[in-house]
N, C-alpha and C. Protein backbone atom coordinates (compact mmCIF):
# COMPACT_ATOMS: atom_id res chain seq x y z
N MET A 1 -40.62 6.55 0.27
CA MET A 1 -41.92 6.48 -0.36
C MET A 1 -42.17 5.04 -0.78
N ALA A 2 -43.04 4.37 -0.13
CA ALA A 2 -43.31 2.96 -0.40
C ALA A 2 -43.92 2.78 -1.77
N GLY A 3 -43.51 1.72 -2.44
CA GLY A 3 -44.09 1.39 -3.73
C GLY A 3 -43.44 2.07 -4.92
N THR A 4 -42.48 2.96 -4.70
CA THR A 4 -41.81 3.62 -5.80
C THR A 4 -40.75 2.69 -6.39
N ILE A 5 -40.79 2.52 -7.69
CA ILE A 5 -39.82 1.67 -8.37
C ILE A 5 -38.59 2.50 -8.69
N PRO A 6 -37.40 2.01 -8.35
CA PRO A 6 -36.19 2.78 -8.68
C PRO A 6 -36.03 2.95 -10.20
N ARG A 7 -35.53 4.09 -10.58
CA ARG A 7 -35.18 4.36 -11.98
C ARG A 7 -33.86 3.66 -12.27
N LEU A 8 -33.73 3.05 -13.44
CA LEU A 8 -32.50 2.38 -13.85
C LEU A 8 -31.78 3.24 -14.87
N ALA A 9 -30.49 3.45 -14.66
CA ALA A 9 -29.67 4.22 -15.60
C ALA A 9 -28.36 3.50 -15.85
N VAL A 10 -27.72 3.86 -16.97
CA VAL A 10 -26.40 3.31 -17.32
C VAL A 10 -25.44 4.47 -17.54
N ARG A 11 -24.17 4.24 -17.18
CA ARG A 11 -23.16 5.29 -17.31
C ARG A 11 -21.86 4.69 -17.82
N ALA A 12 -21.10 5.52 -18.53
CA ALA A 12 -19.85 5.08 -19.15
C ALA A 12 -18.64 5.54 -18.34
N VAL A 13 -17.80 4.60 -17.98
CA VAL A 13 -16.49 4.92 -17.42
C VAL A 13 -15.55 4.85 -18.62
N LEU A 14 -15.32 6.00 -19.20
CA LEU A 14 -14.61 6.12 -20.46
C LEU A 14 -13.29 6.84 -20.22
N VAL A 15 -12.22 6.06 -20.14
CA VAL A 15 -10.88 6.62 -19.92
C VAL A 15 -10.11 6.50 -21.23
N HIS A 16 -9.59 7.64 -21.68
CA HIS A 16 -8.81 7.70 -22.92
C HIS A 16 -7.56 8.52 -22.64
N GLN A 17 -6.40 7.96 -22.93
CA GLN A 17 -5.12 8.60 -22.68
C GLN A 17 -5.03 9.10 -21.23
N ASP A 18 -5.40 8.21 -20.30
CA ASP A 18 -5.33 8.48 -18.85
C ASP A 18 -6.22 9.64 -18.40
N ARG A 19 -7.30 9.88 -19.13
CA ARG A 19 -8.25 10.92 -18.76
C ARG A 19 -9.67 10.36 -18.82
N LEU A 20 -10.45 10.67 -17.80
CA LEU A 20 -11.84 10.22 -17.69
C LEU A 20 -12.77 11.27 -18.28
N LEU A 21 -13.74 10.83 -19.05
CA LEU A 21 -14.73 11.75 -19.61
C LEU A 21 -15.82 12.03 -18.57
N LEU A 22 -16.03 13.32 -18.29
CA LEU A 22 -17.09 13.76 -17.39
C LEU A 22 -18.02 14.72 -18.12
N VAL A 23 -19.27 14.75 -17.69
CA VAL A 23 -20.24 15.70 -18.23
C VAL A 23 -20.95 16.40 -17.08
N ASN A 24 -21.47 17.58 -17.39
CA ASN A 24 -22.33 18.30 -16.46
C ASN A 24 -23.71 18.30 -17.09
N ALA A 25 -24.68 17.74 -16.39
CA ALA A 25 -26.04 17.62 -16.94
C ALA A 25 -27.02 18.50 -16.18
N TYR A 26 -26.61 19.73 -15.93
CA TYR A 26 -27.48 20.71 -15.27
C TYR A 26 -27.59 21.92 -16.17
N PRO A 27 -28.73 22.09 -16.84
CA PRO A 27 -28.87 23.20 -17.78
C PRO A 27 -28.70 24.56 -17.10
N ASP A 28 -28.22 25.51 -17.88
CA ASP A 28 -28.09 26.90 -17.44
C ASP A 28 -27.22 27.07 -16.21
N GLY A 29 -26.21 26.21 -16.04
CA GLY A 29 -25.27 26.38 -14.94
C GLY A 29 -25.87 26.23 -13.56
N GLN A 30 -26.92 25.43 -13.42
CA GLN A 30 -27.59 25.24 -12.13
C GLN A 30 -26.67 24.59 -11.10
N SER A 31 -25.66 23.85 -11.57
CA SER A 31 -24.75 23.15 -10.67
C SER A 31 -23.43 22.91 -11.37
N ASP A 32 -22.36 22.80 -10.58
CA ASP A 32 -21.05 22.46 -11.14
C ASP A 32 -20.74 20.97 -11.00
N LEU A 33 -21.70 20.19 -10.56
CA LEU A 33 -21.51 18.77 -10.32
C LEU A 33 -21.32 18.02 -11.64
N MET A 34 -20.25 17.22 -11.70
CA MET A 34 -19.93 16.44 -12.89
C MET A 34 -20.21 14.96 -12.62
N CYS A 35 -20.46 14.22 -13.70
CA CYS A 35 -20.71 12.78 -13.59
C CYS A 35 -20.25 12.11 -14.88
N ALA A 36 -20.30 10.80 -14.89
CA ALA A 36 -20.00 10.04 -16.10
C ALA A 36 -21.18 10.18 -17.06
N PRO A 37 -20.92 10.21 -18.37
CA PRO A 37 -22.03 10.31 -19.32
C PRO A 37 -22.91 9.07 -19.28
N GLY A 38 -24.17 9.28 -19.58
CA GLY A 38 -25.13 8.18 -19.60
C GLY A 38 -26.50 8.69 -19.26
N GLY A 39 -27.42 7.78 -18.99
CA GLY A 39 -28.78 8.20 -18.65
C GLY A 39 -29.71 7.03 -18.48
N GLY A 40 -30.98 7.38 -18.44
CA GLY A 40 -32.03 6.41 -18.17
C GLY A 40 -32.16 5.34 -19.24
N VAL A 41 -32.56 4.16 -18.79
CA VAL A 41 -32.74 3.00 -19.65
C VAL A 41 -34.15 3.03 -20.24
N VAL A 42 -34.22 2.84 -21.54
CA VAL A 42 -35.51 2.72 -22.23
C VAL A 42 -35.90 1.25 -22.25
N PRO A 43 -37.07 0.92 -21.70
CA PRO A 43 -37.49 -0.49 -21.69
C PRO A 43 -37.51 -1.09 -23.09
N GLY A 44 -37.11 -2.35 -23.18
CA GLY A 44 -37.12 -3.05 -24.45
C GLY A 44 -35.83 -2.93 -25.23
N THR A 45 -34.85 -2.19 -24.70
CA THR A 45 -33.53 -2.13 -25.33
C THR A 45 -32.49 -2.53 -24.30
N SER A 46 -31.39 -3.09 -24.78
CA SER A 46 -30.37 -3.59 -23.86
C SER A 46 -29.65 -2.44 -23.15
N LEU A 47 -29.01 -2.77 -22.04
CA LEU A 47 -28.21 -1.77 -21.32
C LEU A 47 -27.12 -1.21 -22.23
N ILE A 48 -26.50 -2.07 -23.02
CA ILE A 48 -25.43 -1.65 -23.93
C ILE A 48 -25.97 -0.70 -25.00
N GLU A 49 -27.12 -1.02 -25.57
CA GLU A 49 -27.73 -0.12 -26.57
C GLU A 49 -28.07 1.23 -25.95
N ASN A 50 -28.63 1.20 -24.75
CA ASN A 50 -28.97 2.43 -24.06
C ASN A 50 -27.73 3.29 -23.81
N LEU A 51 -26.67 2.65 -23.33
CA LEU A 51 -25.46 3.40 -23.01
C LEU A 51 -24.81 3.99 -24.26
N SER A 52 -24.72 3.20 -25.31
CA SER A 52 -24.16 3.71 -26.57
C SER A 52 -24.94 4.92 -27.07
N ARG A 53 -26.27 4.82 -27.03
CA ARG A 53 -27.13 5.93 -27.45
C ARG A 53 -26.92 7.17 -26.59
N GLU A 54 -26.93 6.98 -25.27
CA GLU A 54 -26.80 8.11 -24.35
C GLU A 54 -25.46 8.83 -24.51
N VAL A 55 -24.37 8.06 -24.62
CA VAL A 55 -23.05 8.68 -24.77
C VAL A 55 -22.99 9.45 -26.09
N PHE A 56 -23.53 8.88 -27.16
CA PHE A 56 -23.54 9.60 -28.42
C PHE A 56 -24.37 10.87 -28.32
N GLU A 57 -25.56 10.78 -27.73
CA GLU A 57 -26.42 11.97 -27.59
C GLU A 57 -25.72 13.08 -26.81
N GLU A 58 -25.00 12.71 -25.75
CA GLU A 58 -24.40 13.72 -24.87
C GLU A 58 -23.06 14.24 -25.36
N THR A 59 -22.34 13.44 -26.18
CA THR A 59 -20.98 13.83 -26.54
C THR A 59 -20.66 13.75 -28.03
N GLY A 60 -21.44 13.00 -28.79
CA GLY A 60 -21.13 12.77 -30.19
C GLY A 60 -20.12 11.66 -30.40
N LEU A 61 -19.69 11.00 -29.32
CA LEU A 61 -18.70 9.93 -29.41
C LEU A 61 -19.36 8.57 -29.62
N HIS A 62 -18.68 7.73 -30.37
CA HIS A 62 -19.09 6.33 -30.52
C HIS A 62 -18.21 5.51 -29.59
N ILE A 63 -18.81 4.53 -28.92
CA ILE A 63 -18.07 3.75 -27.93
C ILE A 63 -18.28 2.26 -28.12
N THR A 64 -17.35 1.51 -27.54
CA THR A 64 -17.50 0.08 -27.35
C THR A 64 -17.74 -0.12 -25.86
N VAL A 65 -18.82 -0.78 -25.52
CA VAL A 65 -19.16 -1.03 -24.12
C VAL A 65 -18.58 -2.37 -23.71
N MET A 66 -17.89 -2.37 -22.57
CA MET A 66 -17.25 -3.59 -22.08
C MET A 66 -17.93 -4.04 -20.79
N ASP A 67 -17.16 -4.44 -19.79
CA ASP A 67 -17.70 -5.03 -18.57
C ASP A 67 -18.23 -4.00 -17.58
N PRO A 68 -19.22 -4.39 -16.78
CA PRO A 68 -19.66 -3.52 -15.69
C PRO A 68 -18.52 -3.34 -14.68
N CYS A 69 -18.46 -2.16 -14.05
CA CYS A 69 -17.40 -1.91 -13.07
C CYS A 69 -17.92 -1.27 -11.78
N LEU A 70 -19.16 -0.79 -11.78
CA LEU A 70 -19.71 -0.14 -10.58
C LEU A 70 -21.22 -0.16 -10.63
N VAL A 71 -21.82 -0.43 -9.49
CA VAL A 71 -23.25 -0.22 -9.30
C VAL A 71 -23.37 0.82 -8.20
N ASN A 72 -24.11 1.88 -8.50
CA ASN A 72 -24.28 2.98 -7.55
C ASN A 72 -25.77 3.26 -7.39
N GLU A 73 -26.17 3.51 -6.15
CA GLU A 73 -27.56 3.90 -5.88
C GLU A 73 -27.55 5.29 -5.28
N PHE A 74 -28.54 6.10 -5.65
CA PHE A 74 -28.72 7.36 -4.93
C PHE A 74 -30.20 7.63 -4.78
N HIS A 75 -30.51 8.46 -3.80
CA HIS A 75 -31.92 8.73 -3.53
C HIS A 75 -32.09 10.12 -2.93
N ASP A 76 -33.35 10.56 -2.96
CA ASP A 76 -33.74 11.81 -2.33
C ASP A 76 -34.73 11.45 -1.23
N PRO A 77 -34.29 11.50 0.03
CA PRO A 77 -35.17 11.09 1.12
C PRO A 77 -36.46 11.91 1.22
N SER A 78 -36.43 13.16 0.75
CA SER A 78 -37.62 14.00 0.87
C SER A 78 -38.71 13.63 -0.15
N THR A 79 -38.31 13.06 -1.29
CA THR A 79 -39.31 12.72 -2.31
C THR A 79 -39.48 11.21 -2.51
N GLY A 80 -38.50 10.42 -2.04
CA GLY A 80 -38.53 8.98 -2.27
C GLY A 80 -37.90 8.57 -3.59
N TYR A 81 -37.41 9.55 -4.36
CA TYR A 81 -36.76 9.22 -5.63
C TYR A 81 -35.56 8.33 -5.38
N HIS A 82 -35.41 7.30 -6.21
CA HIS A 82 -34.34 6.31 -6.03
C HIS A 82 -33.87 5.91 -7.42
N GLN A 83 -32.57 5.99 -7.66
CA GLN A 83 -32.02 5.60 -8.95
C GLN A 83 -30.87 4.62 -8.75
N VAL A 84 -30.81 3.64 -9.61
CA VAL A 84 -29.71 2.67 -9.63
C VAL A 84 -28.96 2.87 -10.94
N ASP A 85 -27.68 3.20 -10.83
CA ASP A 85 -26.82 3.39 -12.00
C ASP A 85 -25.89 2.19 -12.13
N ILE A 86 -25.81 1.64 -13.34
CA ILE A 86 -24.84 0.60 -13.65
C ILE A 86 -23.79 1.22 -14.56
N TYR A 87 -22.54 1.19 -14.10
CA TYR A 87 -21.42 1.78 -14.84
C TYR A 87 -20.68 0.67 -15.58
N PHE A 88 -20.33 0.96 -16.84
CA PHE A 88 -19.59 0.02 -17.67
C PHE A 88 -18.28 0.67 -18.12
N ARG A 89 -17.22 -0.11 -18.12
CA ARG A 89 -15.98 0.37 -18.75
C ARG A 89 -16.24 0.44 -20.25
N CYS A 90 -15.74 1.49 -20.87
CA CYS A 90 -15.97 1.70 -22.30
C CYS A 90 -14.69 2.16 -22.97
N GLN A 91 -14.66 2.02 -24.29
CA GLN A 91 -13.56 2.53 -25.10
C GLN A 91 -14.15 3.37 -26.23
N VAL A 92 -13.41 4.38 -26.64
CA VAL A 92 -13.83 5.21 -27.77
C VAL A 92 -13.58 4.44 -29.06
N LYS A 93 -14.55 4.50 -29.97
CA LYS A 93 -14.38 3.99 -31.33
C LYS A 93 -14.11 5.20 -32.20
N GLY A 94 -12.97 5.24 -32.86
CA GLY A 94 -12.65 6.39 -33.71
C GLY A 94 -12.05 7.52 -32.88
N SER A 95 -12.36 8.73 -33.25
CA SER A 95 -11.78 9.90 -32.61
C SER A 95 -12.37 10.15 -31.23
N ALA A 96 -11.52 10.63 -30.31
CA ALA A 96 -11.98 11.00 -28.97
C ALA A 96 -12.22 12.50 -28.86
N SER A 97 -12.13 13.20 -29.98
CA SER A 97 -12.37 14.65 -29.97
C SER A 97 -13.86 14.93 -29.86
N ILE A 98 -14.19 15.84 -28.99
CA ILE A 98 -15.58 16.25 -28.81
C ILE A 98 -15.74 17.63 -29.43
N ASP A 99 -16.63 17.75 -30.38
CA ASP A 99 -16.89 19.02 -31.04
C ASP A 99 -17.44 20.00 -29.99
N PRO A 100 -16.77 21.15 -29.77
CA PRO A 100 -17.25 22.10 -28.76
C PRO A 100 -18.65 22.64 -29.06
N ALA A 101 -19.08 22.54 -30.32
CA ALA A 101 -20.41 23.02 -30.68
C ALA A 101 -21.49 21.95 -30.53
N TRP A 102 -21.08 20.73 -30.11
CA TRP A 102 -22.05 19.64 -29.97
C TRP A 102 -23.11 19.99 -28.93
N THR A 103 -24.35 19.77 -29.25
CA THR A 103 -25.42 19.94 -28.26
C THR A 103 -26.25 18.67 -28.23
N ASP A 104 -26.59 18.27 -27.03
CA ASP A 104 -27.42 17.07 -26.91
C ASP A 104 -28.86 17.43 -27.26
N ALA A 105 -29.61 16.43 -27.63
CA ALA A 105 -30.99 16.63 -28.09
C ALA A 105 -31.86 17.33 -27.06
N GLU A 106 -31.62 17.07 -25.78
CA GLU A 106 -32.44 17.65 -24.73
C GLU A 106 -31.86 18.95 -24.18
N HIS A 107 -30.71 19.36 -24.68
CA HIS A 107 -30.04 20.60 -24.24
C HIS A 107 -29.84 20.63 -22.73
N VAL A 108 -29.43 19.50 -22.19
CA VAL A 108 -29.20 19.37 -20.75
C VAL A 108 -27.71 19.43 -20.42
N VAL A 109 -26.89 18.76 -21.23
CA VAL A 109 -25.45 18.70 -20.96
C VAL A 109 -24.81 20.03 -21.34
N THR A 110 -24.18 20.67 -20.36
CA THR A 110 -23.60 21.99 -20.59
C THR A 110 -22.07 21.98 -20.61
N ASP A 111 -21.45 20.87 -20.21
CA ASP A 111 -20.00 20.81 -20.17
C ASP A 111 -19.58 19.36 -20.36
N ARG A 112 -18.53 19.16 -21.14
CA ARG A 112 -17.93 17.85 -21.36
C ARG A 112 -16.44 18.04 -21.25
N ARG A 113 -15.77 17.21 -20.47
CA ARG A 113 -14.32 17.37 -20.38
C ARG A 113 -13.64 16.07 -20.01
N TRP A 114 -12.40 15.93 -20.52
CA TRP A 114 -11.53 14.81 -20.19
C TRP A 114 -10.68 15.25 -19.01
N VAL A 115 -10.66 14.45 -17.92
CA VAL A 115 -10.03 14.84 -16.67
C VAL A 115 -9.07 13.75 -16.21
N SER A 116 -7.86 14.15 -15.82
CA SER A 116 -6.87 13.21 -15.30
C SER A 116 -7.20 12.85 -13.85
N ALA A 117 -6.55 11.82 -13.34
CA ALA A 117 -6.75 11.43 -11.94
C ALA A 117 -6.39 12.59 -11.01
N GLU A 118 -5.32 13.30 -11.33
CA GLU A 118 -4.90 14.45 -10.51
C GLU A 118 -5.94 15.58 -10.57
N GLU A 119 -6.46 15.85 -11.76
CA GLU A 119 -7.46 16.92 -11.93
C GLU A 119 -8.77 16.59 -11.23
N MET A 120 -9.06 15.30 -11.06
CA MET A 120 -10.29 14.91 -10.36
C MET A 120 -10.35 15.48 -8.95
N LYS A 121 -9.19 15.73 -8.36
CA LYS A 121 -9.15 16.28 -7.00
C LYS A 121 -9.72 17.68 -6.93
N GLN A 122 -9.81 18.37 -8.07
CA GLN A 122 -10.31 19.74 -8.12
C GLN A 122 -11.74 19.83 -8.68
N VAL A 123 -12.34 18.68 -8.97
CA VAL A 123 -13.66 18.64 -9.59
C VAL A 123 -14.67 18.08 -8.60
N ARG A 124 -15.85 18.69 -8.56
CA ARG A 124 -16.94 18.16 -7.75
C ARG A 124 -17.69 17.15 -8.62
N PHE A 125 -17.75 15.88 -8.16
CA PHE A 125 -18.36 14.82 -8.97
C PHE A 125 -19.09 13.84 -8.07
N LYS A 126 -19.94 13.05 -8.70
CA LYS A 126 -20.65 11.95 -8.07
C LYS A 126 -20.63 10.78 -9.01
N PRO A 127 -20.66 9.56 -8.55
CA PRO A 127 -20.64 9.15 -7.16
C PRO A 127 -19.24 9.33 -6.57
N ASP A 128 -19.17 9.22 -5.26
CA ASP A 128 -17.92 9.43 -4.55
C ASP A 128 -16.80 8.51 -5.02
N SER A 129 -17.13 7.30 -5.44
CA SER A 129 -16.11 6.32 -5.82
C SER A 129 -15.70 6.39 -7.28
N LEU A 130 -16.24 7.32 -8.05
CA LEU A 130 -16.01 7.35 -9.50
C LEU A 130 -14.53 7.41 -9.87
N ALA A 131 -13.76 8.28 -9.26
CA ALA A 131 -12.35 8.40 -9.61
C ALA A 131 -11.60 7.10 -9.31
N ASP A 132 -11.86 6.53 -8.14
CA ASP A 132 -11.18 5.28 -7.78
C ASP A 132 -11.50 4.16 -8.77
N VAL A 133 -12.76 4.06 -9.14
CA VAL A 133 -13.18 3.02 -10.09
C VAL A 133 -12.58 3.29 -11.47
N ALA A 134 -12.62 4.54 -11.91
CA ALA A 134 -12.17 4.88 -13.26
C ALA A 134 -10.70 4.58 -13.47
N PHE A 135 -9.89 4.87 -12.48
CA PHE A 135 -8.45 4.72 -12.66
C PHE A 135 -7.90 3.41 -12.08
N ALA A 136 -8.80 2.52 -11.66
CA ALA A 136 -8.41 1.16 -11.28
C ALA A 136 -8.33 0.33 -12.56
N THR A 137 -7.61 -0.74 -12.52
CA THR A 137 -7.46 -1.54 -13.73
C THR A 137 -8.52 -2.62 -13.87
N SER A 138 -9.16 -3.00 -12.78
CA SER A 138 -10.18 -4.05 -12.87
C SER A 138 -11.04 -4.03 -11.62
N GLY A 139 -11.97 -4.96 -11.58
CA GLY A 139 -12.82 -5.12 -10.41
C GLY A 139 -14.17 -4.47 -10.60
N VAL A 140 -15.09 -4.87 -9.73
CA VAL A 140 -16.43 -4.32 -9.72
C VAL A 140 -16.68 -3.77 -8.32
N SER A 141 -17.25 -2.58 -8.25
CA SER A 141 -17.53 -1.94 -6.96
C SER A 141 -19.02 -1.70 -6.80
N TYR A 142 -19.40 -1.51 -5.55
CA TYR A 142 -20.79 -1.17 -5.23
C TYR A 142 -20.80 -0.01 -4.26
N ASP A 143 -21.54 1.04 -4.60
CA ASP A 143 -21.76 2.19 -3.73
C ASP A 143 -23.18 2.10 -3.20
N PRO A 144 -23.36 1.93 -1.92
CA PRO A 144 -24.72 1.90 -1.40
C PRO A 144 -25.35 3.28 -1.50
N LEU A 145 -26.59 3.35 -1.11
CA LEU A 145 -27.42 4.53 -1.24
C LEU A 145 -26.73 5.82 -0.82
N GLU A 146 -26.53 6.74 -1.80
CA GLU A 146 -26.01 8.08 -1.55
C GLU A 146 -27.17 9.05 -1.65
N VAL A 147 -27.14 10.10 -0.86
CA VAL A 147 -28.18 11.13 -0.96
C VAL A 147 -27.86 12.01 -2.16
N ILE A 148 -28.86 12.35 -2.93
CA ILE A 148 -28.71 13.21 -4.11
C ILE A 148 -28.18 14.58 -3.68
N VAL A 149 -27.23 15.10 -4.43
CA VAL A 149 -26.75 16.48 -4.23
C VAL A 149 -26.82 17.19 -5.57
N ARG A 150 -26.84 18.49 -5.52
CA ARG A 150 -26.86 19.30 -6.76
C ARG A 150 -25.70 20.23 -6.79
């Protein structure tokens, strides 16, 4: 779709005690697809502010945002929707416990879990490179345009 501006989002690669935090952002069990916490960028606020806000809204956790580690693009060829996600390595500030009763303001996130590298093999997630990036010690990666899946 010509003329459509890509949506910009930020996501947290948050590894604590060798486990990556994943969320499911499909209300009412519409999908089992997991992803890193985060969301759309609000104009006029920094990427770091946006990411800190989004992670808190989705999980109740406070984080320190560090360096970018992945840029991922995905799109829907049938609608022209295009999103660019910038992933940042993050650390938990304070407790890494997530209250099981926590609900995000939009009631979209239905599952939050800490997953080991081995457990990632049993989880359906996007983007495809997330596990490799999360459990690497450094570097920045780029995932070119992936087709949206649910």
